[in-house]
Amino acid sequence: MADTRSPLSSQFRPSAEPGGSRPGGPADGGPRQVRQARLRLVQIEPWSVMKAAFLLSVAIAIVTVVAVGIVWGVLGAAGLWDSVNSIVQDSIGDNSSTPFEIQKYLGTSRVLGFTMIVAVADIVLITAIATLGAFLYNLAATLVGGVEVTFAEDK
């Protein structure tokens, strides 16, 4: 009786061996050929770059604000502000007036507010620069043909 299976169906059938090697591989004695695909990246869609850059920059902004808040809280818990107040008071040498307090100048709300302003500016700048980069890449790709990439299958 003739075998009615196509030659390709038996090639990609999983083997029953514990190693899971395919027919035609090193277990059969034959060298396994690595498939390769050569592709060129000729255009990047600026709208998708803008959306992705916006989301990533919002994530970076959130991480920045949280990190500054944590560092500021740790510095306060470590007693840094009291040490700075005493050093400035000793440097000035004026004991009769009200004591110096750095928290009046560098309070938590002021520092976090400044951090949020910087984070919003970073969101706008990162989004704009990434979108501009996509436009510039598309312009350069029309002149030189894009970036050529070779993909290969793992051995």
Protein backbone atom coordinates (compact mmCIF):
# COMPACT_ATOMS: atom_id res chain seq x y z
CA MET A 1 0.00 0.00 0.00
CA ALA A 2 1.36 3.42 -0.94
CA ASP A 3 2.12 6.12 1.60
CA THR A 4 -0.31 9.03 1.01
CA ARG A 5 1.34 11.54 3.35
CA SER A 6 3.11 14.50 1.83
CA PRO A 7 6.86 14.73 2.37
CA LEU A 8 6.47 17.96 4.34
CA SER A 9 4.06 16.55 6.90
CA SER A 10 6.58 13.97 8.07
CA GLN A 11 9.40 16.51 8.19
CA PHE A 12 7.78 18.66 10.87
CA ARG A 13 6.30 15.87 12.92
CA PRO A 14 7.62 15.86 16.51
CA SER A 15 9.89 12.94 17.22
CA ALA A 16 9.33 10.43 19.96
CA GLU A 17 12.90 10.78 21.20
CA PRO A 18 13.42 12.41 24.61
CA GLY A 19 15.74 15.04 23.10
CA GLY A 20 13.02 16.24 20.76
CA SER A 21 15.32 16.45 17.73
CA ARG A 22 13.71 16.60 14.33
CA PRO A 23 14.49 14.26 11.44
CA GLY A 24 17.39 15.56 9.40
CA GLY A 25 19.06 17.04 12.46
CA PRO A 26 22.30 16.08 14.18
CA ALA A 27 20.68 12.97 15.72
CA ASP A 28 20.17 11.51 12.23
CA GLY A 29 23.74 12.22 11.25
CA GLY A 30 22.90 14.93 8.73
CA PRO A 31 23.70 18.60 9.26
CA ARG A 32 20.70 20.73 10.09
CA GLN A 33 20.26 23.71 7.81
CA VAL A 34 19.53 27.05 9.44
CA ARG A 35 16.82 29.01 7.68
CA GLN A 36 17.57 32.67 7.13
CA ALA A 37 15.46 35.58 5.99
CA ARG A 38 16.95 38.86 4.78
CA LEU A 39 14.58 41.77 5.23
CA ARG A 40 14.84 45.53 4.88
CA LEU A 41 13.18 48.03 7.17
CA VAL A 42 12.20 50.76 4.74
CA GLN A 43 9.53 52.67 6.69
CA ILE A 44 8.56 53.30 10.29
CA GLU A 45 5.04 54.54 10.90
CA PRO A 46 5.39 57.86 12.80
CA TRP A 47 1.94 57.59 14.38
CA SER A 48 2.75 54.23 16.00
CA VAL A 49 6.15 55.55 17.12
CA MET A 50 4.44 58.54 18.69
CA LYS A 51 1.95 56.37 20.58
CA ALA A 52 4.64 54.00 21.84
CA ALA A 53 6.99 56.85 22.79
CA PHE A 54 4.19 58.61 24.64
CA LEU A 55 3.34 55.52 26.68
CA LEU A 56 6.98 54.80 27.47
CA SER A 57 7.65 58.41 28.45
CA VAL A 58 4.59 58.41 30.75
CA ALA A 59 5.97 55.28 32.41
CA ILE A 60 9.38 56.94 32.79
CA ALA A 61 7.72 60.05 34.27
CA ILE A 62 5.80 57.99 36.83
CA VAL A 63 8.97 56.13 37.80
CA THR A 64 10.84 59.43 38.12
CA VAL A 65 8.24 61.03 40.41
CA VAL A 66 7.99 57.91 42.59
CA ALA A 67 11.78 57.59 42.80
CA VAL A 68 12.23 61.23 43.82
CA GLY A 69 9.50 60.82 46.43
CA ILE A 70 11.16 57.72 47.86
CA VAL A 71 14.63 59.28 47.91
CA TRP A 72 13.24 62.44 49.51
CA GLY A 73 11.46 60.39 52.18
CA VAL A 74 14.58 58.32 52.90
CA LEU A 75 16.70 61.48 53.24
CA GLY A 76 14.17 62.93 55.68
CA ALA A 77 13.99 59.70 57.69
CA ALA A 78 17.80 59.57 57.86
CA GLY A 79 17.86 62.98 59.53
CA LEU A 80 19.68 64.80 56.75
CA TRP A 81 17.55 67.93 57.00
CA ASP A 82 18.21 68.33 60.72
CA SER A 83 21.93 67.96 60.07
CA VAL A 84 21.83 70.56 57.30
CA ASN A 85 19.86 72.93 59.56
CA SER A 86 22.43 72.63 62.35
CA ILE A 87 25.39 73.05 59.95
CA VAL A 88 23.88 76.21 58.46
CA GLN A 89 22.99 77.55 61.92
CA ASP A 90 26.57 76.94 63.11
CA SER A 91 27.98 78.56 59.96
CA ILE A 92 25.88 81.67 60.31
CA GLY A 93 26.63 81.95 64.03
CA ASP A 94 23.39 83.83 64.72
CA ASN A 95 21.73 82.13 67.70
CA SER A 96 19.35 84.94 68.64
CA SER A 97 17.01 84.84 65.65
CA THR A 98 14.72 82.06 64.53
CA PRO A 99 16.56 78.86 63.59
CA PHE A 100 17.27 78.11 59.94
CA GLU A 101 15.02 75.49 58.37
CA ILE A 102 15.89 74.17 54.93
CA GLN A 103 12.42 72.63 54.62
CA LYS A 104 11.06 76.17 54.04
CA TYR A 105 13.14 76.37 50.85
CA LEU A 106 13.25 72.71 49.81
CA GLY A 107 9.96 71.30 51.04
CA THR A 108 8.56 68.00 49.84
CA SER A 109 5.72 69.63 47.95
CA ARG A 110 8.09 72.04 46.20
CA VAL A 111 10.50 69.28 45.15
CA LEU A 112 7.74 66.93 43.97
CA GLY A 113 6.07 69.80 42.11
CA PHE A 114 9.31 70.60 40.32
CA THR A 115 9.79 66.91 39.57
CA MET A 116 6.31 66.72 38.03
CA ILE A 117 7.02 69.77 35.85
CA VAL A 118 10.23 68.14 34.63
CA ALA A 119 8.38 64.83 34.07
CA VAL A 120 5.70 66.53 31.93
CA ALA A 121 8.40 68.34 29.93
CA ASP A 122 10.16 64.99 29.44
CA ILE A 123 6.93 63.41 28.18
CA VAL A 124 6.53 66.13 25.57
CA LEU A 125 10.20 66.11 24.54
CA ILE A 126 10.62 62.33 24.36
CA THR A 127 7.42 61.96 22.32
CA ALA A 128 8.40 64.76 19.94
CA ILE A 129 11.99 63.55 19.49
CA ALA A 130 10.91 59.95 18.84
CA THR A 131 8.34 61.05 16.27
CA LEU A 132 10.85 63.33 14.60
CA GLY A 133 13.31 60.43 14.57
CA ALA A 134 10.74 58.27 12.75
CA PHE A 135 10.24 60.99 10.12
CA LEU A 136 13.99 61.39 9.68
CA TYR A 137 14.48 57.63 9.37
CA ASN A 138 11.79 57.44 6.69
CA LEU A 139 13.46 60.27 4.82
CA ALA A 140 16.88 58.60 5.02
CA ALA A 141 15.41 55.20 4.11
CA THR A 142 13.99 56.58 0.87
CA LEU A 143 17.48 57.75 -0.08
CA VAL A 144 19.54 54.70 0.94
CA GLY A 145 16.97 51.90 0.95
CA GLY A 146 16.58 51.28 4.68
CA VAL A 147 18.30 49.00 7.14
CA GLU A 148 18.91 45.43 6.06
CA VAL A 149 18.35 42.79 8.74
CA THR A 150 19.01 39.05 8.56
CA PHE A 151 16.89 36.79 10.74
CA ALA A 152 17.99 33.23 11.41
CA GLU A 153 16.40 30.27 13.11
CA ASP A 154 17.95 29.00 16.35
CA LYS A 155 19.98 25.82 16.11
